[in-house]
PDB file of N, CA and C in Angstrom:
ATOM      1  N   MET A   1      17.750  72.665 -39.522  1.00  0.00           N
ATOM      2  CA  MET A   1      18.554  72.104 -40.594  1.00  0.00           C
ATOM      3  C   MET A   1      17.909  72.404 -41.936  1.00  0.00           C
ATOM      4  N   LYS A   2      18.753  72.554 -42.946  1.00  0.00           N
ATOM      5  CA  LYS A   2      18.251  72.823 -44.288  1.00  0.00           C
ATOM      6  C   LYS A   2      18.419  71.587 -45.161  1.00  0.00           C
ATOM      7  N   ALA A   3      17.683  71.565 -46.269  1.00  0.00           N
ATOM      8  CA  ALA A   3      17.774  70.449 -47.214  1.00  0.00           C
ATOM      9  C   ALA A   3      18.885  70.728 -48.223  1.00  0.00           C
ATOM     10  N   ASP A   4      20.088  71.018 -47.714  1.00  0.00           N
ATOM     11  CA  ASP A   4      21.205  71.268 -48.628  1.00  0.00           C
ATOM     12  C   ASP A   4      21.873  69.940 -48.989  1.00  0.00           C
ATOM     13  N   LYS A   5      22.781  69.985 -49.936  1.00  0.00           N
ATOM     14  CA  LYS A   5      23.403  68.766 -50.452  1.00  0.00           C
ATOM     15  C   LYS A   5      24.163  68.013 -49.357  1.00  0.00           C
ATOM     16  N   LYS A   6      24.880  68.736 -48.525  1.00  0.00           N
ATOM     17  CA  LYS A   6      25.669  68.093 -47.463  1.00  0.00           C
ATOM     18  C   LYS A   6      24.759  67.353 -46.476  1.00  0.00           C
ATOM     19  N   THR A   7      23.697  68.008 -46.045  1.00  0.00           N
ATOM     20  CA  THR A   7      22.762  67.404 -45.095  1.00  0.00           C
ATOM     21  C   THR A   7      22.073  66.188 -45.701  1.00  0.00           C
ATOM     22  N   LEU A   8      21.592  66.336 -46.930  1.00  0.00           N
ATOM     23  CA  LEU A   8      20.894  65.221 -47.580  1.00  0.00           C
ATOM     24  C   LEU A   8      21.828  64.045 -47.832  1.00  0.00           C
ATOM     25  N   THR A   9      23.046  64.314 -48.211  1.00  0.00           N
ATOM     26  CA  THR A   9      24.015  63.231 -48.426  1.00  0.00           C
ATOM     27  C   THR A   9      24.258  62.480 -47.129  1.00  0.00           C
ATOM     28  N   ARG A  10      24.418  63.219 -46.042  1.00  0.00           N
ATOM     29  CA  ARG A  10      24.661  62.595 -44.742  1.00  0.00           C
ATOM     30  C   ARG A  10      23.467  61.734 -44.316  1.00  0.00           C
ATOM     31  N   LEU A  11      22.259  62.281 -44.415  1.00  0.00           N
ATOM     32  CA  LEU A  11      21.073  61.567 -43.946  1.00  0.00           C
ATOM     33  C   LEU A  11      20.629  60.455 -44.889  1.00  0.00           C
ATOM     34  N   TYR A  12      20.614  60.738 -46.178  1.00  0.00           N
ATOM     35  CA  TYR A  12      20.058  59.793 -47.154  1.00  0.00           C
ATOM     36  C   TYR A  12      21.084  58.744 -47.590  1.00  0.00           C
ATOM     37  N   VAL A  13      22.274  59.203 -47.935  1.00  0.00           N
ATOM     38  CA  VAL A  13      23.294  58.284 -48.460  1.00  0.00           C
ATOM     39  C   VAL A  13      24.046  57.597 -47.322  1.00  0.00           C
ATOM     40  N   ASP A  14      24.614  58.388 -46.416  1.00  0.00           N
ATOM     41  CA  ASP A  14      25.469  57.823 -45.369  1.00  0.00           C
ATOM     42  C   ASP A  14      24.681  57.058 -44.305  1.00  0.00           C
ATOM     43  N   GLN A  15      23.577  57.646 -43.820  1.00  0.00           N
ATOM     44  CA  GLN A  15      22.798  57.005 -42.758  1.00  0.00           C
ATOM     45  C   GLN A  15      21.687  56.103 -43.283  1.00  0.00           C
ATOM     46  N   GLY A  16      21.351  56.227 -44.569  1.00  0.00           N
ATOM     47  CA  GLY A  16      20.344  55.363 -45.182  1.00  0.00           C
ATOM     48  C   GLY A  16      18.920  55.629 -44.731  1.00  0.00           C
ATOM     49  N   LEU A  17      18.641  56.853 -44.274  1.00  0.00           N
ATOM     50  CA  LEU A  17      17.283  57.177 -43.835  1.00  0.00           C
ATOM     51  C   LEU A  17      16.341  57.267 -45.035  1.00  0.00           C
ATOM     52  N   SER A  18      15.072  57.028 -44.777  1.00  0.00           N
ATOM     53  CA  SER A  18      14.058  57.141 -45.826  1.00  0.00           C
ATOM     54  C   SER A  18      13.708  58.611 -46.045  1.00  0.00           C
ATOM     55  N   LEU A  19      13.018  58.885 -47.144  1.00  0.00           N
ATOM     56  CA  LEU A  19      12.567  60.253 -47.406  1.00  0.00           C
ATOM     57  C   LEU A  19      11.671  60.747 -46.275  1.00  0.00           C
ATOM     58  N   ARG A  20      10.798  59.872 -45.810  1.00  0.00           N
ATOM     59  CA  ARG A  20       9.879  60.239 -44.736  1.00  0.00           C
ATOM     60  C   ARG A  20      10.635  60.578 -43.451  1.00  0.00           C
ATOM     61  N   GLU A  21      11.638  59.762 -43.120  1.00  0.00           N
ATOM     62  CA  GLU A  21      12.415  60.013 -41.906  1.00  0.00           C
ATOM     63  C   GLU A  21      13.190  61.328 -42.000  1.00  0.00           C
ATOM     64  N   ILE A  22      13.751  61.606 -43.172  1.00  0.00           N
ATOM     65  CA  ILE A  22      14.480  62.862 -43.368  1.00  0.00           C
ATOM     66  C   ILE A  22      13.518  64.036 -43.280  1.00  0.00           C
ATOM     67  N   ALA A  23      12.370  63.903 -43.932  1.00  0.00           N
ATOM     68  CA  ALA A  23      11.375  64.971 -43.908  1.00  0.00           C
ATOM     69  C   ALA A  23      10.949  65.287 -42.478  1.00  0.00           C
ATOM     70  N   GLU A  24      10.747  64.242 -41.699  1.00  0.00           N
ATOM     71  CA  GLU A  24      10.340  64.425 -40.310  1.00  0.00           C
ATOM     72  C   GLU A  24      11.422  65.186 -39.524  1.00  0.00           C
ATOM     73  N   ARG A  25      12.662  64.820 -39.728  1.00  0.00           N
ATOM     74  CA  ARG A  25      13.772  65.487 -39.026  1.00  0.00           C
ATOM     75  C   ARG A  25      13.925  66.953 -39.430  1.00  0.00           C
ATOM     76  N   LEU A  26      13.693  67.223 -40.723  1.00  0.00           N
ATOM     77  CA  LEU A  26      13.893  68.584 -41.215  1.00  0.00           C
ATOM     78  C   LEU A  26      12.628  69.430 -41.165  1.00  0.00           C
ATOM     79  N   GLY A  27      11.508  68.818 -40.814  1.00  0.00           N
ATOM     80  CA  GLY A  27      10.249  69.554 -40.753  1.00  0.00           C
ATOM     81  C   GLY A  27       9.703  69.904 -42.123  1.00  0.00           C
ATOM     82  N   LEU A  28       9.952  69.022 -43.091  1.00  0.00           N
ATOM     83  CA  LEU A  28       9.491  69.227 -44.466  1.00  0.00           C
ATOM     84  C   LEU A  28       8.643  68.047 -44.906  1.00  0.00           C
ATOM     85  N   HIS A  29       8.069  68.143 -46.087  1.00  0.00           N
ATOM     86  CA  HIS A  29       7.290  67.058 -46.669  1.00  0.00           C
ATOM     87  C   HIS A  29       8.243  66.130 -47.430  1.00  0.00           C
ATOM     88  N   ALA A  30       7.918  64.841 -47.488  1.00  0.00           N
ATOM     89  CA  ALA A  30       8.764  63.869 -48.194  1.00  0.00           C
ATOM     90  C   ALA A  30       8.938  64.242 -49.669  1.00  0.00           C
ATOM     91  N   ASP A  31       7.898  64.815 -50.291  1.00  0.00           N
ATOM     92  CA  ASP A  31       8.006  65.243 -51.691  1.00  0.00           C
ATOM     93  C   ASP A  31       9.042  66.350 -51.851  1.00  0.00           C
ATOM     94  N   THR A  32       9.152  67.199 -50.852  1.00  0.00           N
ATOM     95  CA  THR A  32      10.146  68.274 -50.884  1.00  0.00           C
ATOM     96  C   THR A  32      11.547  67.679 -50.807  1.00  0.00           C
ATOM     97  N   ILE A  33      11.717  66.674 -49.973  1.00  0.00           N
ATOM     98  CA  ILE A  33      13.017  66.005 -49.857  1.00  0.00           C
ATOM     99  C   ILE A  33      13.377  65.356 -51.196  1.00  0.00           C
ATOM    100  N   HIS A  34      12.405  64.695 -51.814  1.00  0.00           N
ATOM    101  CA  HIS A  34      12.627  64.069 -53.115  1.00  0.00           C
ATOM    102  C   HIS A  34      13.064  65.117 -54.147  1.00  0.00           C
ATOM    103  N   TYR A  35      12.392  66.241 -54.157  1.00  0.00           N
ATOM    104  CA  TYR A  35      12.737  67.346 -55.065  1.00  0.00           C
ATOM    105  C   TYR A  35      14.192  67.776 -54.861  1.00  0.00           C
ATOM    106  N   HIS A  36      14.583  67.981 -53.605  1.00  0.00           N
ATOM    107  CA  HIS A  36      15.945  68.448 -53.319  1.00  0.00           C
ATOM    108  C   HIS A  36      16.998  67.386 -53.641  1.00  0.00           C
ATOM    109  N   LEU A  37      16.676  66.119 -53.455  1.00  0.00           N
ATOM    110  CA  LEU A  37      17.615  65.060 -53.847  1.00  0.00           C
ATOM    111  C   LEU A  37      17.890  65.125 -55.345  1.00  0.00           C
ATOM    112  N   ARG A  38      16.834  65.271 -56.122  1.00  0.00           N
ATOM    113  CA  ARG A  38      16.991  65.368 -57.581  1.00  0.00           C
ATOM    114  C   ARG A  38      17.734  66.648 -57.955  1.00  0.00           C
ATOM    115  N   ARG A  39      17.392  67.738 -57.303  1.00  0.00           N
ATOM    116  CA  ARG A  39      18.015  69.029 -57.590  1.00  0.00           C
ATOM    117  C   ARG A  39      19.517  68.991 -57.320  1.00  0.00           C
ATOM    118  N   HIS A  40      19.914  68.289 -56.250  1.00  0.00           N
ATOM    119  CA  HIS A  40      21.329  68.183 -55.889  1.00  0.00           C
ATOM    120  C   HIS A  40      22.009  66.989 -56.565  1.00  0.00           C
ATOM    121  N   GLU A  41      21.275  66.303 -57.459  1.00  0.00           N
ATOM    122  CA  GLU A  41      21.783  65.163 -58.222  1.00  0.00           C
ATOM    123  C   GLU A  41      22.300  64.035 -57.335  1.00  0.00           C
ATOM    124  N   ILE A  42      21.546  63.779 -56.267  1.00  0.00           N
ATOM    125  CA  ILE A  42      21.837  62.652 -55.385  1.00  0.00           C
ATOM    126  C   ILE A  42      21.002  61.482 -55.879  1.00  0.00           C
ATOM    127  N   GLU A  43      21.665  60.369 -56.171  1.00  0.00           N
ATOM    128  CA  GLU A  43      20.963  59.219 -56.741  1.00  0.00           C
ATOM    129  C   GLU A  43      19.915  58.692 -55.763  1.00  0.00           C
ATOM    130  N   ILE A  44      18.699  58.531 -56.272  1.00  0.00           N
ATOM    131  CA  ILE A  44      17.579  58.080 -55.450  1.00  0.00           C
ATOM    132  C   ILE A  44      17.517  56.554 -55.491  1.00  0.00           C
ATOM    133  N   ARG A  45      17.403  55.952 -54.310  1.00  0.00           N
ATOM    134  CA  ARG A  45      17.347  54.494 -54.203  1.00  0.00           C
ATOM    135  C   ARG A  45      16.036  53.976 -54.783  1.00  0.00           C
ATOM    136  N   PRO A  46      16.047  52.741 -55.269  1.00  0.00           N
ATOM    137  CA  PRO A  46      14.783  52.132 -55.703  1.00  0.00           C
ATOM    138  C   PRO A  46      13.827  52.057 -54.518  1.00  0.00           C
ATOM    139  N   GLN A  47      12.548  52.170 -54.779  1.00  0.00           N
ATOM    140  CA  GLN A  47      11.563  52.160 -53.699  1.00  0.00           C
ATOM    141  C   GLN A  47      11.426  50.786 -53.052  1.00  0.00           C
ATOM    142  N   ALA A  48      11.654  49.753 -53.811  1.00  0.00           N
ATOM    143  CA  ALA A  48      11.479  48.395 -53.290  1.00  0.00           C
ATOM    144  C   ALA A  48      12.731  47.960 -52.533  1.00  0.00           C
ATOM    145  N   LYS A  49      12.939  48.568 -51.385  1.00  0.00           N
ATOM    146  CA  LYS A  49      14.084  48.252 -50.553  1.00  0.00           C
ATOM    147  C   LYS A  49      13.661  47.202 -49.540  1.00  0.00           C
ATOM    148  N   ARG A  50      14.449  46.164 -49.394  1.00  0.00           N
ATOM    149  CA  ARG A  50      14.130  45.118 -48.430  1.00  0.00           C
ATOM    150  C   ARG A  50      14.202  45.668 -47.023  1.00  0.00           C
ATOM    151  N   SER A  51      13.261  45.288 -46.232  1.00  0.00           N
ATOM    152  CA  SER A  51      13.186  45.785 -44.862  1.00  0.00           C
ATOM    153  C   SER A  51      14.321  45.233 -44.026  1.00  0.00           C
ATOM    154  N   GLN A  52      14.903  46.103 -43.213  1.00  0.00           N
ATOM    155  CA  GLN A  52      15.936  45.657 -42.288  1.00  0.00           C
ATOM    156  C   GLN A  52      15.333  44.820 -41.159  1.00  0.00           C
ATOM    157  N   LEU A  53      14.010  44.794 -41.076  1.00  0.00           N
ATOM    158  CA  LEU A  53      13.336  44.008 -40.049  1.00  0.00           C
ATOM    159  C   LEU A  53      13.288  42.517 -40.388  1.00  0.00           C
ATOM    160  N   ARG A  54      13.619  42.155 -41.632  1.00  0.00           N
ATOM    161  CA  ARG A  54      13.565  40.754 -42.055  1.00  0.00           C
ATOM    162  C   ARG A  54      14.478  39.855 -41.228  1.00  0.00           C
ATOM    163  N   LYS A  55      15.511  40.451 -40.636  1.00  0.00           N
ATOM    164  CA  LYS A  55      16.462  39.648 -39.865  1.00  0.00           C
ATOM    165  C   LYS A  55      15.913  39.238 -38.498  1.00  0.00           C
ATOM    166  N   TYR A  56      14.777  39.807 -38.096  1.00  0.00           N
ATOM    167  CA  TYR A  56      14.171  39.485 -36.801  1.00  0.00           C
ATOM    168  C   TYR A  56      13.009  38.515 -36.986  1.00  0.00           C
ATOM    169  N   ARG A  57      12.879  37.606 -36.055  1.00  0.00           N
ATOM    170  CA  ARG A  57      11.714  36.711 -36.054  1.00  0.00           C
ATOM    171  C   ARG A  57      10.495  37.499 -35.569  1.00  0.00           C
ATOM    172  N   LEU A  58       9.333  37.101 -36.041  1.00  0.00           N
ATOM    173  CA  LEU A  58       8.089  37.778 -35.669  1.00  0.00           C
ATOM    174  C   LEU A  58       7.911  37.801 -34.145  1.00  0.00           C
ATOM    175  N   GLY A  59       8.197  36.691 -33.498  1.00  0.00           N
ATOM    176  CA  GLY A  59       8.057  36.609 -32.045  1.00  0.00           C
ATOM    177  C   GLY A  59       8.977  37.580 -31.314  1.00  0.00           C
ATOM    178  N   THR A  60      10.177  37.771 -31.844  1.00  0.00           N
ATOM    179  CA  THR A  60      11.129  38.711 -31.249  1.00  0.00           C
ATOM    180  C   THR A  60      10.601  40.135 -31.336  1.00  0.00           C
ATOM    181  N   LEU A  61      10.056  40.494 -32.488  1.00  0.00           N
ATOM    182  CA  LEU A  61       9.500  41.831 -32.666  1.00  0.00           C
ATOM    183  C   LEU A  61       8.304  42.058 -31.738  1.00  0.00           C
ATOM    184  N   GLU A  62       7.431  41.065 -31.663  1.00  0.00           N
ATOM    185  CA  GLU A  62       6.254  41.192 -30.803  1.00  0.00           C
ATOM    186  C   GLU A  62       6.652  41.312 -29.335  1.00  0.00           C
ATOM    187  N   LYS A  63       7.674  40.570 -28.918  1.00  0.00           N
ATOM    188  CA  LYS A  63       8.155  40.647 -27.538  1.00  0.00           C
ATOM    189  C   LYS A  63       8.711  42.047 -27.250  1.00  0.00           C
ATOM    190  N   GLY A  64       9.509  42.583 -28.177  1.00  0.00           N
ATOM    191  CA  GLY A  64      10.057  43.923 -28.005  1.00  0.00           C
ATOM    192  C   GLY A  64       8.975  44.976 -27.885  1.00  0.00           C
ATOM    193  N   ILE A  65       7.906  44.816 -28.661  1.00  0.00           N
ATOM    194  CA  ILE A  65       6.783  45.762 -28.605  1.00  0.00           C
ATOM    195  C   ILE A  65       6.050  45.644 -27.274  1.00  0.00           C
ATOM    196  N   ARG A  66       5.859  44.408 -26.797  1.00  0.00           N
ATOM    197  CA  ARG A  66       5.198  44.224 -25.498  1.00  0.00           C
ATOM    198  C   ARG A  66       6.010  44.879 -24.376  1.00  0.00           C
ATOM    199  N   GLU A  67       7.324  44.770 -24.447  1.00  0.00           N
ATOM    200  CA  GLU A  67       8.183  45.293 -23.382  1.00  0.00           C
ATOM    201  C   GLU A  67       8.370  46.808 -23.448  1.00  0.00           C
ATOM    202  N   LYS A  68       8.502  47.346 -24.661  1.00  0.00           N
ATOM    203  CA  LYS A  68       8.877  48.759 -24.800  1.00  0.00           C
ATOM    204  C   LYS A  68       7.840  49.610 -25.508  1.00  0.00           C
ATOM    205  N   GLY A  69       6.800  48.991 -26.046  1.00  0.00           N
ATOM    206  CA  GLY A  69       5.815  49.720 -26.834  1.00  0.00           C
ATOM    207  C   GLY A  69       6.329  49.915 -28.253  1.00  0.00           C
ATOM    208  N   VAL A  70       5.428  50.208 -29.172  1.00  0.00           N
ATOM    209  CA  VAL A  70       5.804  50.346 -30.582  1.00  0.00           C
ATOM    210  C   VAL A  70       6.808  51.483 -30.758  1.00  0.00           C
ATOM    211  N   ARG A  71       6.508  52.628 -30.189  1.00  0.00           N
ATOM    212  CA  ARG A  71       7.379  53.799 -30.354  1.00  0.00           C
ATOM    213  C   ARG A  71       8.764  53.549 -29.765  1.00  0.00           C
ATOM    214  N   GLY A  72       8.814  53.014 -28.552  1.00  0.00           N
ATOM    215  CA  GLY A  72      10.095  52.770 -27.892  1.00  0.00           C
ATOM    216  C   GLY A  72      10.934  51.727 -28.613  1.00  0.00           C
ATOM    217  N   TYR A  73      10.286  50.645 -29.055  1.00  0.00           N
ATOM    218  CA  TYR A  73      11.021  49.579 -29.736  1.00  0.00           C
ATOM    219  C   TYR A  73      11.480  50.032 -31.123  1.00  0.00           C
ATOM    220  N   ALA A  74      10.635  50.778 -31.825  1.00  0.00           N
ATOM    221  CA  ALA A  74      11.028  51.297 -33.142  1.00  0.00           C
ATOM    222  C   ALA A  74      12.229  52.224 -32.996  1.00  0.00           C
ATOM    223  N   LYS A  75      12.213  53.056 -31.981  1.00  0.00           N
ATOM    224  CA  LYS A  75      13.330  53.966 -31.745  1.00  0.00           C
ATOM    225  C   LYS A  75      14.605  53.173 -31.467  1.00  0.00           C
ATOM    226  N   GLU A  76      14.480  52.111 -30.677  1.00  0.00           N
ATOM    227  CA  GLU A  76      15.633  51.261 -30.384  1.00  0.00           C
ATOM    228  C   GLU A  76      16.195  50.617 -31.655  1.00  0.00           C
ATOM    229  N   LEU A  77      15.292  50.221 -32.553  1.00  0.00           N
ATOM    230  CA  LEU A  77      15.715  49.594 -33.809  1.00  0.00           C
ATOM    231  C   LEU A  77      16.209  50.618 -34.831  1.00  0.00           C
ATOM    232  N   GLY A  78      15.946  51.898 -34.566  1.00  0.00           N
ATOM    233  CA  GLY A  78      16.383  52.955 -35.477  1.00  0.00           C
ATOM    234  C   GLY A  78      15.482  53.117 -36.693  1.00  0.00           C
ATOM    235  N   ILE A  79      14.194  52.814 -36.513  1.00  0.00           N
ATOM    236  CA  ILE A  79      13.234  52.941 -37.615  1.00  0.00           C
ATOM    237  C   ILE A  79      12.041  53.759 -37.145  1.00  0.00           C
ATOM    238  N   HIS A  80      11.201  54.156 -38.080  1.00  0.00           N
ATOM    239  CA  HIS A  80       9.989  54.899 -37.756  1.00  0.00           C
ATOM    240  C   HIS A  80       8.944  53.911 -37.235  1.00  0.00           C
ATOM    241  N   GLU A  81       8.138  54.339 -36.275  1.00  0.00           N
ATOM    242  CA  GLU A  81       7.137  53.446 -35.694  1.00  0.00           C
ATOM    243  C   GLU A  81       6.141  52.938 -36.733  1.00  0.00           C
ATOM    244  N   ASN A  82       5.808  53.759 -37.738  1.00  0.00           N
ATOM    245  CA  ASN A  82       4.886  53.304 -38.784  1.00  0.00           C
ATOM    246  C   ASN A  82       5.509  52.194 -39.626  1.00  0.00           C
ATOM    247  N   THR A  83       6.812  52.232 -39.797  1.00  0.00           N
ATOM    248  CA  THR A  83       7.513  51.169 -40.524  1.00  0.00           C
ATOM    249  C   THR A  83       7.343  49.851 -39.782  1.00  0.00           C
ATOM    250  N   LEU A  84       7.495  49.887 -38.474  1.00  0.00           N
ATOM    251  CA  LEU A  84       7.345  48.686 -37.656  1.00  0.00           C
ATOM    252  C   LEU A  84       5.912  48.162 -37.718  1.00  0.00           C
ATOM    253  N   ARG A  85       4.937  49.049 -37.578  1.00  0.00           N
ATOM    254  CA  ARG A  85       3.526  48.630 -37.657  1.00  0.00           C
ATOM    255  C   ARG A  85       3.205  48.003 -39.013  1.00  0.00           C
ATOM    256  N   HIS A  86       3.645  48.652 -40.081  1.00  0.00           N
ATOM    257  CA  HIS A  86       3.374  48.155 -41.431  1.00  0.00           C
ATOM    258  C   HIS A  86       4.028  46.792 -41.648  1.00  0.00           C
ATOM    259  N   TYR A  87       5.262  46.644 -41.209  1.00  0.00           N
ATOM    260  CA  TYR A  87       5.976  45.382 -41.394  1.00  0.00           C
ATOM    261  C   TYR A  87       5.254  44.247 -40.662  1.00  0.00           C
ATOM    262  N   LEU A  88       4.842  44.494 -39.427  1.00  0.00           N
ATOM    263  CA  LEU A  88       4.136  43.457 -38.664  1.00  0.00           C
ATOM    264  C   LEU A  88       2.820  43.078 -39.338  1.00  0.00           C
ATOM    265  N   LYS A  89       2.077  44.064 -39.775  1.00  0.00           N
ATOM    266  CA  LYS A  89       0.793  43.800 -40.440  1.00  0.00           C
ATOM    267  C   LYS A  89       1.011  42.973 -41.706  1.00  0.00           C
ATOM    268  N   ARG A  90       1.967  43.385 -42.526  1.00  0.00           N
ATOM    269  CA  ARG A  90       2.238  42.685 -43.786  1.00  0.00           C
ATOM    270  C   ARG A  90       2.744  41.264 -43.531  1.00  0.00           C
ATOM    271  N   THR A  91       3.600  41.095 -42.531  1.00  0.00           N
ATOM    272  CA  THR A  91       4.147  39.779 -42.217  1.00  0.00           C
ATOM    273  C   THR A  91       3.054  38.833 -41.735  1.00  0.00           C
ATOM    274  N   LYS A  92       2.174  39.333 -40.878  1.00  0.00           N
ATOM    275  CA  LYS A  92       1.074  38.490 -40.386  1.00  0.00           C
ATOM    276  C   LYS A  92       0.123  38.105 -41.509  1.00  0.00           C
ATOM    277  N   GLU A  93      -0.167  39.042 -42.421  1.00  0.00           N
ATOM    278  CA  GLU A  93      -1.036  38.733 -43.563  1.00  0.00           C
ATOM    279  C   GLU A  93      -0.400  37.669 -44.453  1.00  0.00           C
ATOM    280  N   THR A  94       0.895  37.769 -44.664  1.00  0.00           N
ATOM    281  CA  THR A  94       1.611  36.793 -45.488  1.00  0.00           C
ATOM    282  C   THR A  94       1.561  35.415 -44.848  1.00  0.00           C
ATOM    283  N   LEU A  95       1.794  35.358 -43.544  1.00  0.00           N
ATOM    284  CA  LEU A  95       1.757  34.073 -42.839  1.00  0.00           C
ATOM    285  C   LEU A  95       0.368  33.450 -42.897  1.00  0.00           C
ATOM    286  N   ARG A  96      -0.680  34.268 -42.722  1.00  0.00           N
ATOM    287  CA  ARG A  96      -2.050  33.748 -42.817  1.00  0.00           C
ATOM    288  C   ARG A  96      -2.325  33.184 -44.209  1.00  0.00           C
ATOM    289  N   ALA A  97      -1.873  33.895 -45.231  1.00  0.00           N
ATOM    290  CA  ALA A  97      -2.096  33.441 -46.607  1.00  0.00           C
ATOM    291  C   ALA A  97      -1.349  32.128 -46.867  1.00  0.00           C
ATOM    292  N   GLU A  98      -0.126  32.040 -46.374  1.00  0.00           N
ATOM    293  CA  GLU A  98       0.652  30.811 -46.568  1.00  0.00           C
ATOM    294  C   GLU A  98       0.015  29.642 -45.821  1.00  0.00           C
ATOM    295  N   ASN A  99      -0.457  29.886 -44.620  1.00  0.00           N
ATOM    296  CA  ASN A  99      -1.119  28.822 -43.859  1.00  0.00           C
ATOM    297  C   ASN A  99      -2.394  28.380 -44.558  1.00  0.00           C
ATOM    298  N   GLY A 100      -3.130  29.314 -45.145  1.00  0.00           N
ATOM    299  CA  GLY A 100      -4.344  28.986 -45.886  1.00  0.00           C
ATOM    300  C   GLY A 100      -4.045  28.115 -47.091  1.00  0.00           C
ATOM    301  N   ARG A 101      -2.954  28.431 -47.789  1.00  0.00           N
ATOM    302  CA  ARG A 101      -2.557  27.628 -48.948  1.00  0.00           C
ATOM    303  C   ARG A 101      -2.135  26.232 -48.533  1.00  0.00           C
ATOM    304  N   ASN A 102      -1.413  26.132 -47.422  1.00  0.00           N
ATOM    305  CA  ASN A 102      -0.971  24.827 -46.949  1.00  0.00           C
ATOM    306  C   ASN A 102      -2.145  23.963 -46.501  1.00  0.00           C
ATOM    307  N   ASN A 103      -3.137  24.561 -45.901  1.00  0.00           N
ATOM    308  CA  ASN A 103      -4.314  23.806 -45.447  1.00  0.00           C
ATOM    309  C   ASN A 103      -5.183  23.378 -46.616  1.00  0.00           C
ATOM    310  N   ASP A 104      -5.224  24.176 -47.697  1.00  0.00           N
ATOM    311  CA  ASP A 104      -6.018  23.821 -48.868  1.00  0.00           C
ATOM    312  C   ASP A 104      -5.428  22.622 -49.614  1.00  0.00           C
ATOM    313  N   GLY A 105      -4.146  22.448 -49.514  1.00  0.00           N
ATOM    314  CA  GLY A 105      -3.482  21.378 -50.249  1.00  0.00           C
ATOM    315  C   GLY A 105      -3.589  20.014 -49.601  1.00  0.00           C
ATOM    316  N   LYS A 106      -4.231  19.916 -48.446  1.00  0.00           N
ATOM    317  CA  LYS A 106      -4.326  18.607 -47.747  1.00  0.00           C
ATOM    318  C   LYS A 106      -5.381  17.738 -48.340  1.00  0.00           C
TER     319      LYS A 106
END
Protein backbone atom coordinates (compact mmCIF):
# COMPACT_ATOMS: atom_id res chain seq x y z
CA MET A 1 0.00 0.00 0.00
CA LYS A 2 1.09 3.55 -0.67
CA ALA A 3 0.66 6.68 1.43
CA ASP A 4 -1.66 8.26 -1.13
CA LYS A 5 -4.58 10.53 -0.24
CA LYS A 6 -7.23 7.82 -0.66
CA THR A 7 -5.40 5.33 1.57
CA LEU A 8 -4.61 7.90 4.26
CA THR A 9 -8.17 9.21 4.29
CA ARG A 10 -9.51 5.68 4.71
CA LEU A 11 -7.08 4.73 7.49
CA TYR A 12 -6.71 8.03 9.35
CA VAL A 13 -10.07 9.75 8.88
CA ASP A 14 -12.55 6.92 8.33
CA GLN A 15 -11.02 4.22 10.56
CA GLY A 16 -9.46 6.61 13.09
CA LEU A 17 -6.10 4.83 13.21
CA SER A 18 -3.12 6.55 14.79
CA LEU A 19 -0.06 7.64 12.82
CA ARG A 20 1.88 4.79 14.38
CA GLU A 21 -0.75 2.21 13.42
CA ILE A 22 -0.88 3.49 9.84
CA ALA A 23 2.91 3.54 9.61
CA GLU A 24 3.05 -0.04 10.82
CA ARG A 25 0.51 -1.17 8.22
CA LEU A 26 2.26 0.65 5.38
CA GLY A 27 5.80 -0.20 6.47
CA LEU A 28 6.75 3.45 6.93
CA HIS A 29 7.80 5.71 9.79
CA ALA A 30 5.11 7.70 11.66
CA ASP A 31 6.90 10.95 10.68
CA THR A 32 6.52 9.97 7.03
CA ILE A 33 2.79 9.44 7.54
CA HIS A 34 2.55 12.86 9.20
CA TYR A 35 4.37 14.42 6.23
CA HIS A 36 1.98 12.82 3.73
CA LEU A 37 -1.10 13.86 5.73
CA ARG A 38 0.06 17.47 5.57
CA ARG A 39 1.05 17.14 1.92
CA HIS A 40 -2.42 15.82 1.02
CA GLU A 41 -4.04 18.51 3.23
CA ILE A 42 -5.73 15.99 5.51
CA GLU A 43 -6.56 17.66 8.81
CA ILE A 44 -4.42 16.25 11.61
CA ARG A 45 -6.20 15.41 14.86
CA PRO A 46 -5.03 16.97 18.12
CA GLN A 47 -2.52 14.72 19.88
CA ALA A 48 -4.42 14.75 23.16
CA LYS A 49 -7.06 12.26 22.09
CA ARG A 50 -8.96 10.52 24.87
CA SER A 51 -8.27 6.84 24.99
CA GLN A 52 -11.00 4.52 23.83
CA LEU A 53 -9.91 2.29 26.71
CA ARG A 54 -11.51 4.67 29.25
CA LYS A 55 -14.81 2.85 28.82
CA TYR A 56 -13.33 -0.34 30.33
CA ARG A 57 -12.75 -0.96 34.01
CA LEU A 58 -9.17 -1.75 35.00
CA GLY A 59 -10.19 -5.20 36.22
CA THR A 60 -11.84 -5.99 32.89
CA LEU A 61 -8.69 -5.08 30.98
CA GLU A 62 -6.48 -7.10 33.32
CA LYS A 63 -8.80 -10.12 32.99
CA GLY A 64 -8.69 -9.89 29.18
CA ILE A 65 -4.89 -9.76 29.27
CA ARG A 66 -4.72 -12.79 31.59
CA GLU A 67 -6.98 -14.77 29.25
CA LYS A 68 -5.63 -13.71 25.85
CA GLY A 69 -2.28 -12.05 26.50
CA VAL A 70 -1.48 -8.41 25.75
CA ARG A 71 -1.09 -8.91 22.01
CA GLY A 72 -4.24 -11.02 21.62
CA TYR A 73 -6.42 -8.75 23.75
CA ALA A 74 -5.12 -5.57 22.09
CA LYS A 75 -5.90 -7.08 18.70
CA GLU A 76 -9.41 -7.94 19.89
CA LEU A 77 -9.89 -4.35 21.07
CA GLY A 78 -8.54 -3.03 17.76
CA ILE A 79 -5.59 -1.16 19.28
CA HIS A 80 -1.81 -1.50 19.28
CA GLU A 81 -0.39 -3.60 22.12
CA ASN A 82 1.85 -0.70 23.23
CA THR A 83 -1.25 1.47 23.59
CA LEU A 84 -2.73 -1.09 25.96
CA ARG A 85 0.49 -1.39 27.99
CA HIS A 86 0.86 2.39 28.25
CA TYR A 87 -2.77 2.88 29.27
CA LEU A 88 -2.53 0.25 32.03
CA LYS A 89 0.71 1.71 33.36
CA ARG A 90 -0.66 5.27 33.37
CA THR A 91 -3.96 4.20 34.95
CA LYS A 92 -2.23 2.29 37.75
CA GLU A 93 0.09 5.24 38.45
CA THR A 94 -2.90 7.58 38.63
CA LEU A 95 -4.75 5.28 41.03
CA ARG A 96 -1.67 5.00 43.28
CA ALA A 97 -1.31 8.78 43.34
CA GLU A 98 -4.99 9.26 44.17
CA ASN A 99 -4.84 6.67 46.94
CA GLY A 100 -1.75 8.41 48.35
CA ARG A 101 -3.58 11.73 48.41
CA ASN A 102 -6.60 10.20 50.09
CA ASN A 103 -4.47 8.57 52.78
CA ASP A 104 -2.57 11.82 53.45
CA GLY A 105 -5.80 13.67 54.14
CA LYS A 106 -6.81 11.45 57.09
